[in-house]
Amino acid sequence: AGLPDFVQRRVVAGALASRAGLPIN
């Protein structure tokens, strides 16, 4: 808990992309 908002957004986006079969970068 307590991650900065911009980190949280990028991490969540990466996780969603991975689940959708897309790359991190």
mmCIF file of all heavy atoms, coordinates in Angstrom:
data_MODEL
# 
_entry.id   MODEL 
# 
loop_
_atom_site.group_PDB 
_atom_site.id 
_atom_site.type_symbol 
_atom_site.label_atom_id 
_atom_site.label_alt_id 
_atom_site.label_comp_id 
_atom_site.label_asym_id 
_atom_site.label_entity_id 
_atom_site.label_seq_id 
_atom_site.pdbx_PDB_ins_code 
_atom_site.Cartn_x 
_atom_site.Cartn_y 
_atom_site.Cartn_z 
_atom_site.occupancy 
_atom_site.B_iso_or_equiv 
_atom_site.pdbx_formal_charge 
_atom_site.auth_seq_id 
_atom_site.auth_comp_id 
_atom_site.auth_asym_id 
_atom_site.auth_atom_id 
_atom_site.pdbx_PDB_model_num 
ATOM 1   N N   . ALA A 1 1  ? 0.842  -1.198  0.000   1.00 0.00 ? 1  ALA A N   1 
ATOM 2   C CA  . ALA A 1 1  ? 0.000  0.000   0.000   1.00 0.00 ? 1  ALA A CA  1 
ATOM 3   C C   . ALA A 1 1  ? 0.872  1.240   0.000   1.00 0.00 ? 1  ALA A C   1 
ATOM 4   O O   . ALA A 1 1  ? 2.053  1.200   0.354   1.00 0.00 ? 1  ALA A O   1 
ATOM 5   C CB  . ALA A 1 1  ? -0.909 -0.014  1.225   1.00 0.00 ? 1  ALA A CB  1 
ATOM 6   N N   . GLY A 1 2  ? 0.278  2.354   -0.402  1.00 0.00 ? 2  GLY A N   1 
ATOM 7   C CA  . GLY A 1 2  ? 0.968  3.622   -0.315  1.00 0.00 ? 2  GLY A CA  1 
ATOM 8   C C   . GLY A 1 2  ? 1.845  3.971   -1.485  1.00 0.00 ? 2  GLY A C   1 
ATOM 9   O O   . GLY A 1 2  ? 2.664  4.899   -1.388  1.00 0.00 ? 2  GLY A O   1 
ATOM 10  N N   . LEU A 1 3  ? 1.716  3.271   -2.625  1.00 0.00 ? 3  LEU A N   1 
ATOM 11  C CA  . LEU A 1 3  ? 2.499  3.637   -3.797  1.00 0.00 ? 3  LEU A CA  1 
ATOM 12  C C   . LEU A 1 3  ? 2.052  4.996   -4.321  1.00 0.00 ? 3  LEU A C   1 
ATOM 13  O O   . LEU A 1 3  ? 0.874  5.338   -4.270  1.00 0.00 ? 3  LEU A O   1 
ATOM 14  C CB  . LEU A 1 3  ? 2.312  2.591   -4.907  1.00 0.00 ? 3  LEU A CB  1 
ATOM 15  C CG  . LEU A 1 3  ? 2.979  1.236   -4.727  1.00 0.00 ? 3  LEU A CG  1 
ATOM 16  C CD1 . LEU A 1 3  ? 2.580  0.314   -5.872  1.00 0.00 ? 3  LEU A CD1 1 
ATOM 17  C CD2 . LEU A 1 3  ? 4.482  1.370   -4.663  1.00 0.00 ? 3  LEU A CD2 1 
ATOM 18  N N   . PRO A 1 4  ? 2.972  5.797   -4.864  1.00 0.00 ? 4  PRO A N   1 
ATOM 19  C CA  . PRO A 1 4  ? 2.568  7.043   -5.509  1.00 0.00 ? 4  PRO A CA  1 
ATOM 20  C C   . PRO A 1 4  ? 1.551  6.776   -6.616  1.00 0.00 ? 4  PRO A C   1 
ATOM 21  O O   . PRO A 1 4  ? 1.575  5.714   -7.257  1.00 0.00 ? 4  PRO A O   1 
ATOM 22  C CB  . PRO A 1 4  ? 3.886  7.585   -6.066  1.00 0.00 ? 4  PRO A CB  1 
ATOM 23  C CG  . PRO A 1 4  ? 4.943  6.945   -5.233  1.00 0.00 ? 4  PRO A CG  1 
ATOM 24  C CD  . PRO A 1 4  ? 4.422  5.590   -4.877  1.00 0.00 ? 4  PRO A CD  1 
ATOM 25  N N   . ASP A 1 5  ? 0.690  7.753   -6.873  1.00 0.00 ? 5  ASP A N   1 
ATOM 26  C CA  . ASP A 1 5  ? -0.379 7.559   -7.850  1.00 0.00 ? 5  ASP A CA  1 
ATOM 27  C C   . ASP A 1 5  ? 0.156  7.211   -9.233  1.00 0.00 ? 5  ASP A C   1 
ATOM 28  O O   . ASP A 1 5  ? -0.393 6.331   -9.908  1.00 0.00 ? 5  ASP A O   1 
ATOM 29  C CB  . ASP A 1 5  ? -1.243 8.821   -7.931  1.00 0.00 ? 5  ASP A CB  1 
ATOM 30  C CG  . ASP A 1 5  ? -2.132 9.002   -6.706  1.00 0.00 ? 5  ASP A CG  1 
ATOM 31  O OD1 . ASP A 1 5  ? -2.302 8.017   -5.962  1.00 0.00 ? 5  ASP A OD1 1 
ATOM 32  O OD2 . ASP A 1 5  ? -2.646 10.112  -6.502  1.00 0.00 ? 5  ASP A OD2 1 
ATOM 33  N N   . PHE A 1 6  ? 1.234  7.902   -9.676  1.00 0.00 ? 6  PHE A N   1 
ATOM 34  C CA  . PHE A 1 6  ? 1.723  7.643   -11.034 1.00 0.00 ? 6  PHE A CA  1 
ATOM 35  C C   . PHE A 1 6  ? 2.299  6.233   -11.149 1.00 0.00 ? 6  PHE A C   1 
ATOM 36  O O   . PHE A 1 6  ? 2.178  5.585   -12.198 1.00 0.00 ? 6  PHE A O   1 
ATOM 37  C CB  . PHE A 1 6  ? 2.761  8.693   -11.442 1.00 0.00 ? 6  PHE A CB  1 
ATOM 38  C CG  . PHE A 1 6  ? 4.151  8.471   -10.908 1.00 0.00 ? 6  PHE A CG  1 
ATOM 39  C CD1 . PHE A 1 6  ? 5.099  7.805   -11.655 1.00 0.00 ? 6  PHE A CD1 1 
ATOM 40  C CD2 . PHE A 1 6  ? 4.504  8.923   -9.637  1.00 0.00 ? 6  PHE A CD2 1 
ATOM 41  C CE1 . PHE A 1 6  ? 6.384  7.603   -11.171 1.00 0.00 ? 6  PHE A CE1 1 
ATOM 42  C CE2 . PHE A 1 6  ? 5.780  8.728   -9.148  1.00 0.00 ? 6  PHE A CE2 1 
ATOM 43  C CZ  . PHE A 1 6  ? 6.730  8.066   -9.908  1.00 0.00 ? 6  PHE A CZ  1 
ATOM 44  N N   . VAL A 1 7  ? 2.920  5.738   -10.067 1.00 0.00 ? 7  VAL A N   1 
ATOM 45  C CA  . VAL A 1 7  ? 3.412  4.369   -10.072 1.00 0.00 ? 7  VAL A CA  1 
ATOM 46  C C   . VAL A 1 7  ? 2.250  3.389   -10.104 1.00 0.00 ? 7  VAL A C   1 
ATOM 47  O O   . VAL A 1 7  ? 2.246  2.413   -10.864 1.00 0.00 ? 7  VAL A O   1 
ATOM 48  C CB  . VAL A 1 7  ? 4.315  4.110   -8.853  1.00 0.00 ? 7  VAL A CB  1 
ATOM 49  C CG1 . VAL A 1 7  ? 4.714  2.642   -8.774  1.00 0.00 ? 7  VAL A CG1 1 
ATOM 50  C CG2 . VAL A 1 7  ? 5.556  4.992   -8.908  1.00 0.00 ? 7  VAL A CG2 1 
ATOM 51  N N   . GLN A 1 8  ? 1.247  3.648   -9.274  1.00 0.00 ? 8  GLN A N   1 
ATOM 52  C CA  . GLN A 1 8  ? 0.085  2.779   -9.222  1.00 0.00 ? 8  GLN A CA  1 
ATOM 53  C C   . GLN A 1 8  ? -0.587 2.677   -10.593 1.00 0.00 ? 8  GLN A C   1 
ATOM 54  O O   . GLN A 1 8  ? -0.939 1.580   -11.041 1.00 0.00 ? 8  GLN A O   1 
ATOM 55  C CB  . GLN A 1 8  ? -0.927 3.321   -8.194  1.00 0.00 ? 8  GLN A CB  1 
ATOM 56  C CG  . GLN A 1 8  ? -2.116 2.402   -7.938  1.00 0.00 ? 8  GLN A CG  1 
ATOM 57  C CD  . GLN A 1 8  ? -1.756 1.201   -7.075  1.00 0.00 ? 8  GLN A CD  1 
ATOM 58  O OE1 . GLN A 1 8  ? -0.891 1.291   -6.225  1.00 0.00 ? 8  GLN A OE1 1 
ATOM 59  N NE2 . GLN A 1 8  ? -2.406 0.078   -7.319  1.00 0.00 ? 8  GLN A NE2 1 
ATOM 60  N N   . ARG A 1 9  ? -0.730 3.812   -11.285 1.00 0.00 ? 9  ARG A N   1 
ATOM 61  C CA  . ARG A 1 9  ? -1.376 3.802   -12.601 1.00 0.00 ? 9  ARG A CA  1 
ATOM 62  C C   . ARG A 1 9  ? -0.574 2.989   -13.606 1.00 0.00 ? 9  ARG A C   1 
ATOM 63  O O   . ARG A 1 9  ? -1.145 2.201   -14.373 1.00 0.00 ? 9  ARG A O   1 
ATOM 64  C CB  . ARG A 1 9  ? -1.539 5.238   -13.104 1.00 0.00 ? 9  ARG A CB  1 
ATOM 65  C CG  . ARG A 1 9  ? -2.624 6.044   -12.380 1.00 0.00 ? 9  ARG A CG  1 
ATOM 66  C CD  . ARG A 1 9  ? -2.965 7.307   -13.154 1.00 0.00 ? 9  ARG A CD  1 
ATOM 67  N NE  . ARG A 1 9  ? -1.820 8.187   -13.314 1.00 0.00 ? 9  ARG A NE  1 
ATOM 68  C CZ  . ARG A 1 9  ? -1.464 9.124   -12.451 1.00 0.00 ? 9  ARG A CZ  1 
ATOM 69  N NH1 . ARG A 1 9  ? -2.185 9.313   -11.342 1.00 0.00 ? 9  ARG A NH1 1 
ATOM 70  N NH2 . ARG A 1 9  ? -0.414 9.898   -12.671 1.00 0.00 ? 9  ARG A NH2 1 
ATOM 71  N N   . ARG A 1 10 ? 0.736  3.181   -13.601 1.00 0.00 ? 10 ARG A N   1 
ATOM 72  C CA  . ARG A 1 10 ? 1.556  2.448   -14.560 1.00 0.00 ? 10 ARG A CA  1 
ATOM 73  C C   . ARG A 1 10 ? 1.586  0.963   -14.263 1.00 0.00 ? 10 ARG A C   1 
ATOM 74  O O   . ARG A 1 10 ? 1.547  0.127   -15.183 1.00 0.00 ? 10 ARG A O   1 
ATOM 75  C CB  . ARG A 1 10 ? 2.976  3.018   -14.564 1.00 0.00 ? 10 ARG A CB  1 
ATOM 76  C CG  . ARG A 1 10 ? 3.057  4.406   -15.176 1.00 0.00 ? 10 ARG A CG  1 
ATOM 77  C CD  . ARG A 1 10 ? 4.443  4.989   -15.119 1.00 0.00 ? 10 ARG A CD  1 
ATOM 78  N NE  . ARG A 1 10 ? 5.418  4.200   -15.855 1.00 0.00 ? 10 ARG A NE  1 
ATOM 79  C CZ  . ARG A 1 10 ? 6.706  4.519   -15.937 1.00 0.00 ? 10 ARG A CZ  1 
ATOM 80  N NH1 . ARG A 1 10 ? 7.165  5.594   -15.327 1.00 0.00 ? 10 ARG A NH1 1 
ATOM 81  N NH2 . ARG A 1 10 ? 7.537  3.752   -16.618 1.00 0.00 ? 10 ARG A NH2 1 
ATOM 82  N N   . VAL A 1 11 ? 1.643  0.597   -12.994 1.00 0.00 ? 11 VAL A N   1 
ATOM 83  C CA  . VAL A 1 11 ? 1.662  -0.811  -12.626 1.00 0.00 ? 11 VAL A CA  1 
ATOM 84  C C   . VAL A 1 11 ? 0.340  -1.481  -12.990 1.00 0.00 ? 11 VAL A C   1 
ATOM 85  O O   . VAL A 1 11 ? 0.308  -2.589  -13.550 1.00 0.00 ? 11 VAL A O   1 
ATOM 86  C CB  . VAL A 1 11 ? 1.968  -0.966  -11.125 1.00 0.00 ? 11 VAL A CB  1 
ATOM 87  C CG1 . VAL A 1 11 ? 1.738  -2.400  -10.672 1.00 0.00 ? 11 VAL A CG1 1 
ATOM 88  C CG2 . VAL A 1 11 ? 3.410  -0.560  -10.829 1.00 0.00 ? 11 VAL A CG2 1 
ATOM 89  N N   . VAL A 1 12 ? -0.752 -0.807  -12.697 1.00 0.00 ? 12 VAL A N   1 
ATOM 90  C CA  . VAL A 1 12 ? -2.061 -1.373  -13.026 1.00 0.00 ? 12 VAL A CA  1 
ATOM 91  C C   . VAL A 1 12 ? -2.218 -1.508  -14.536 1.00 0.00 ? 12 VAL A C   1 
ATOM 92  O O   . VAL A 1 12 ? -2.716 -2.527  -15.035 1.00 0.00 ? 12 VAL A O   1 
ATOM 93  C CB  . VAL A 1 12 ? -3.180 -0.495  -12.427 1.00 0.00 ? 12 VAL A CB  1 
ATOM 94  C CG1 . VAL A 1 12 ? -4.538 -0.913  -12.984 1.00 0.00 ? 12 VAL A CG1 1 
ATOM 95  C CG2 . VAL A 1 12 ? -3.180 -0.602  -10.907 1.00 0.00 ? 12 VAL A CG2 1 
ATOM 96  N N   . ALA A 1 13 ? -1.791 -0.491  -15.290 1.00 0.00 ? 13 ALA A N   1 
ATOM 97  C CA  . ALA A 1 13 ? -1.881 -0.571  -16.745 1.00 0.00 ? 13 ALA A CA  1 
ATOM 98  C C   . ALA A 1 13 ? -1.070 -1.744  -17.278 1.00 0.00 ? 13 ALA A C   1 
ATOM 99  O O   . ALA A 1 13 ? -1.523 -2.476  -18.176 1.00 0.00 ? 13 ALA A O   1 
ATOM 100 C CB  . ALA A 1 13 ? -1.404 0.731   -17.375 1.00 0.00 ? 13 ALA A CB  1 
ATOM 101 N N   . GLY A 1 14 ? 0.142  -1.948  -16.725 1.00 0.00 ? 14 GLY A N   1 
ATOM 102 C CA  . GLY A 1 14 ? 0.947  -3.083  -17.152 1.00 0.00 ? 14 GLY A CA  1 
ATOM 103 C C   . GLY A 1 14 ? 0.299  -4.410  -16.855 1.00 0.00 ? 14 GLY A C   1 
ATOM 104 O O   . GLY A 1 14 ? 0.351  -5.348  -17.661 1.00 0.00 ? 14 GLY A O   1 
ATOM 105 N N   . ALA A 1 15 ? -0.338 -4.509  -15.684 1.00 0.00 ? 15 ALA A N   1 
ATOM 106 C CA  . ALA A 1 15 ? -1.014 -5.753  -15.318 1.00 0.00 ? 15 ALA A CA  1 
ATOM 107 C C   . ALA A 1 15 ? -2.194 -6.031  -16.238 1.00 0.00 ? 15 ALA A C   1 
ATOM 108 O O   . ALA A 1 15 ? -2.406 -7.170  -16.691 1.00 0.00 ? 15 ALA A O   1 
ATOM 109 C CB  . ALA A 1 15 ? -1.477 -5.680  -13.868 1.00 0.00 ? 15 ALA A CB  1 
ATOM 110 N N   . LEU A 1 16 ? -2.979 -5.000  -16.537 1.00 0.00 ? 16 LEU A N   1 
ATOM 111 C CA  . LEU A 1 16 ? -4.109 -5.179  -17.441 1.00 0.00 ? 16 LEU A CA  1 
ATOM 112 C C   . LEU A 1 16 ? -3.632 -5.559  -18.837 1.00 0.00 ? 16 LEU A C   1 
ATOM 113 O O   . LEU A 1 16 ? -4.223 -6.423  -19.493 1.00 0.00 ? 16 LEU A O   1 
ATOM 114 C CB  . LEU A 1 16 ? -4.943 -3.896  -17.498 1.00 0.00 ? 16 LEU A CB  1 
ATOM 115 C CG  . LEU A 1 16 ? -5.668 -3.490  -16.208 1.00 0.00 ? 16 LEU A CG  1 
ATOM 116 C CD1 . LEU A 1 16 ? -6.395 -2.165  -16.410 1.00 0.00 ? 16 LEU A CD1 1 
ATOM 117 C CD2 . LEU A 1 16 ? -6.650 -4.567  -15.766 1.00 0.00 ? 16 LEU A CD2 1 
ATOM 118 N N   . ALA A 1 17 ? -2.559 -4.903  -19.298 1.00 0.00 ? 17 ALA A N   1 
ATOM 119 C CA  . ALA A 1 17 ? -2.024 -5.237  -20.612 1.00 0.00 ? 17 ALA A CA  1 
ATOM 120 C C   . ALA A 1 17 ? -1.565 -6.686  -20.676 1.00 0.00 ? 17 ALA A C   1 
ATOM 121 O O   . ALA A 1 17 ? -1.815 -7.390  -21.663 1.00 0.00 ? 17 ALA A O   1 
ATOM 122 C CB  . ALA A 1 17 ? -0.871 -4.296  -20.947 1.00 0.00 ? 17 ALA A CB  1 
ATOM 123 N N   . SER A 1 18 ? -0.898 -7.135  -19.625 1.00 0.00 ? 18 SER A N   1 
ATOM 124 C CA  . SER A 1 18 ? -0.430 -8.511  -19.599 1.00 0.00 ? 18 SER A CA  1 
ATOM 125 C C   . SER A 1 18 ? -1.600 -9.489  -19.690 1.00 0.00 ? 18 SER A C   1 
ATOM 126 O O   . SER A 1 18 ? -1.549 -10.480 -20.431 1.00 0.00 ? 18 SER A O   1 
ATOM 127 C CB  . SER A 1 18 ? 0.375  -8.759  -18.324 1.00 0.00 ? 18 SER A CB  1 
ATOM 128 O OG  . SER A 1 18 ? 0.874  -10.079 -18.285 1.00 0.00 ? 18 SER A OG  1 
ATOM 129 N N   . ARG A 1 19 ? -2.653 -9.199  -18.947 1.00 0.00 ? 19 ARG A N   1 
ATOM 130 C CA  . ARG A 1 19 ? -3.823 -10.086 -18.978 1.00 0.00 ? 19 ARG A CA  1 
ATOM 131 C C   . ARG A 1 19 ? -4.519 -10.057 -20.337 1.00 0.00 ? 19 ARG A C   1 
ATOM 132 O O   . ARG A 1 19 ? -5.210 -11.014 -20.709 1.00 0.00 ? 19 ARG A O   1 
ATOM 133 C CB  . ARG A 1 19 ? -4.781 -9.698  -17.850 1.00 0.00 ? 19 ARG A CB  1 
ATOM 134 C CG  . ARG A 1 19 ? -4.247 -10.027 -16.453 1.00 0.00 ? 19 ARG A CG  1 
ATOM 135 C CD  . ARG A 1 19 ? -5.300 -9.807  -15.367 1.00 0.00 ? 19 ARG A CD  1 
ATOM 136 N NE  . ARG A 1 19 ? -4.866 -10.371 -14.099 1.00 0.00 ? 19 ARG A NE  1 
ATOM 137 C CZ  . ARG A 1 19 ? -4.295 -9.678  -13.120 1.00 0.00 ? 19 ARG A CZ  1 
ATOM 138 N NH1 . ARG A 1 19 ? -4.096 -8.368  -13.263 1.00 0.00 ? 19 ARG A NH1 1 
ATOM 139 N NH2 . ARG A 1 19 ? -3.922 -10.270 -12.005 1.00 0.00 ? 19 ARG A NH2 1 
ATOM 140 N N   . ALA A 1 20 ? -4.318 -8.953  -21.080 1.00 0.00 ? 20 ALA A N   1 
ATOM 141 C CA  . ALA A 1 20 ? -4.905 -8.857  -22.414 1.00 0.00 ? 20 ALA A CA  1 
ATOM 142 C C   . ALA A 1 20 ? -3.954 -9.360  -23.501 1.00 0.00 ? 20 ALA A C   1 
ATOM 143 O O   . ALA A 1 20 ? -4.258 -9.233  -24.687 1.00 0.00 ? 20 ALA A O   1 
ATOM 144 C CB  . ALA A 1 20 ? -5.301 -7.413  -22.697 1.00 0.00 ? 20 ALA A CB  1 
ATOM 145 N N   . GLY A 1 21 ? -2.832 -9.907  -23.104 1.00 0.00 ? 21 GLY A N   1 
ATOM 146 C CA  . GLY A 1 21 ? -1.886 -10.445 -24.074 1.00 0.00 ? 21 GLY A CA  1 
ATOM 147 C C   . GLY A 1 21 ? -1.043 -9.396  -24.760 1.00 0.00 ? 21 GLY A C   1 
ATOM 148 O O   . GLY A 1 21 ? -0.621 -9.580  -25.907 1.00 0.00 ? 21 GLY A O   1 
ATOM 149 N N   . LEU A 1 22 ? -0.765 -8.284  -24.056 1.00 0.00 ? 22 LEU A N   1 
ATOM 150 C CA  . LEU A 1 22 ? 0.015  -7.189  -24.617 1.00 0.00 ? 22 LEU A CA  1 
ATOM 151 C C   . LEU A 1 22 ? 1.301  -6.982  -23.814 1.00 0.00 ? 22 LEU A C   1 
ATOM 152 O O   . LEU A 1 22 ? 1.382  -7.379  -22.656 1.00 0.00 ? 22 LEU A O   1 
ATOM 153 C CB  . LEU A 1 22 ? -0.818 -5.897  -24.614 1.00 0.00 ? 22 LEU A CB  1 
ATOM 154 C CG  . LEU A 1 22 ? -1.990 -5.870  -25.603 1.00 0.00 ? 22 LEU A CG  1 
ATOM 155 C CD1 . LEU A 1 22 ? -2.911 -4.687  -25.309 1.00 0.00 ? 22 LEU A CD1 1 
ATOM 156 C CD2 . LEU A 1 22 ? -1.484 -5.812  -27.044 1.00 0.00 ? 22 LEU A CD2 1 
ATOM 157 N N   . PRO A 1 23 ? 2.300  -6.306  -24.395 1.00 0.00 ? 23 PRO A N   1 
ATOM 158 C CA  . PRO A 1 23 ? 3.603  -6.144  -23.730 1.00 0.00 ? 23 PRO A CA  1 
ATOM 159 C C   . PRO A 1 23 ? 3.594  -5.042  -22.691 1.00 0.00 ? 23 PRO A C   1 
ATOM 160 O O   . PRO A 1 23 ? 2.666  -4.227  -22.612 1.00 0.00 ? 23 PRO A O   1 
ATOM 161 C CB  . PRO A 1 23 ? 4.539  -5.806  -24.888 1.00 0.00 ? 23 PRO A CB  1 
ATOM 162 C CG  . PRO A 1 23 ? 3.658  -5.076  -25.852 1.00 0.00 ? 23 PRO A CG  1 
ATOM 163 C CD  . PRO A 1 23 ? 2.320  -5.781  -25.780 1.00 0.00 ? 23 PRO A CD  1 
ATOM 164 N N   . ILE A 1 24 ? 4.672  -4.975  -21.936 1.00 0.00 ? 24 ILE A N   1 
ATOM 165 C CA  . ILE A 1 24 ? 4.806  -3.965  -20.895 1.00 0.00 ? 24 ILE A CA  1 
ATOM 166 C C   . ILE A 1 24 ? 5.282  -2.624  -21.455 1.00 0.00 ? 24 ILE A C   1 
ATOM 167 O O   . ILE A 1 24 ? 4.953  -1.567  -20.919 1.00 0.00 ? 24 ILE A O   1 
ATOM 168 C CB  . ILE A 1 24 ? 5.778  -4.459  -19.794 1.00 0.00 ? 24 ILE A CB  1 
ATOM 169 C CG1 . ILE A 1 24 ? 5.728  -3.532  -18.568 1.00 0.00 ? 24 ILE A CG1 1 
ATOM 170 C CG2 . ILE A 1 24 ? 7.192  -4.590  -20.311 1.00 0.00 ? 24 ILE A CG2 1 
ATOM 171 C CD1 . ILE A 1 24 ? 6.505  -4.080  -17.385 1.00 0.00 ? 24 ILE A CD1 1 
ATOM 172 N N   . ASN A 1 25 ? 6.029  -2.645  -22.562 1.00 0.00 ? 25 ASN A N   1 
ATOM 173 C CA  . ASN A 1 25 ? 6.703  -1.430  -23.046 1.00 0.00 ? 25 ASN A CA  1 
ATOM 174 C C   . ASN A 1 25 ? 6.371  -1.192  -24.512 1.00 0.00 ? 25 ASN A C   1 
ATOM 175 O O   . ASN A 1 25 ? 6.945  -1.817  -25.399 1.00 0.00 ? 25 ASN A O   1 
ATOM 176 C CB  . ASN A 1 25 ? 8.213  -1.557  -22.856 1.00 0.00 ? 25 ASN A CB  1 
ATOM 177 C CG  . ASN A 1 25 ? 8.960  -0.309  -23.260 1.00 0.00 ? 25 ASN A CG  1 
ATOM 178 O OD1 . ASN A 1 25 ? 8.364  0.732   -23.565 1.00 0.00 ? 25 ASN A OD1 1 
ATOM 179 N ND2 . ASN A 1 25 ? 10.284 -0.395  -23.270 1.00 0.00 ? 25 ASN A ND2 1 
# 
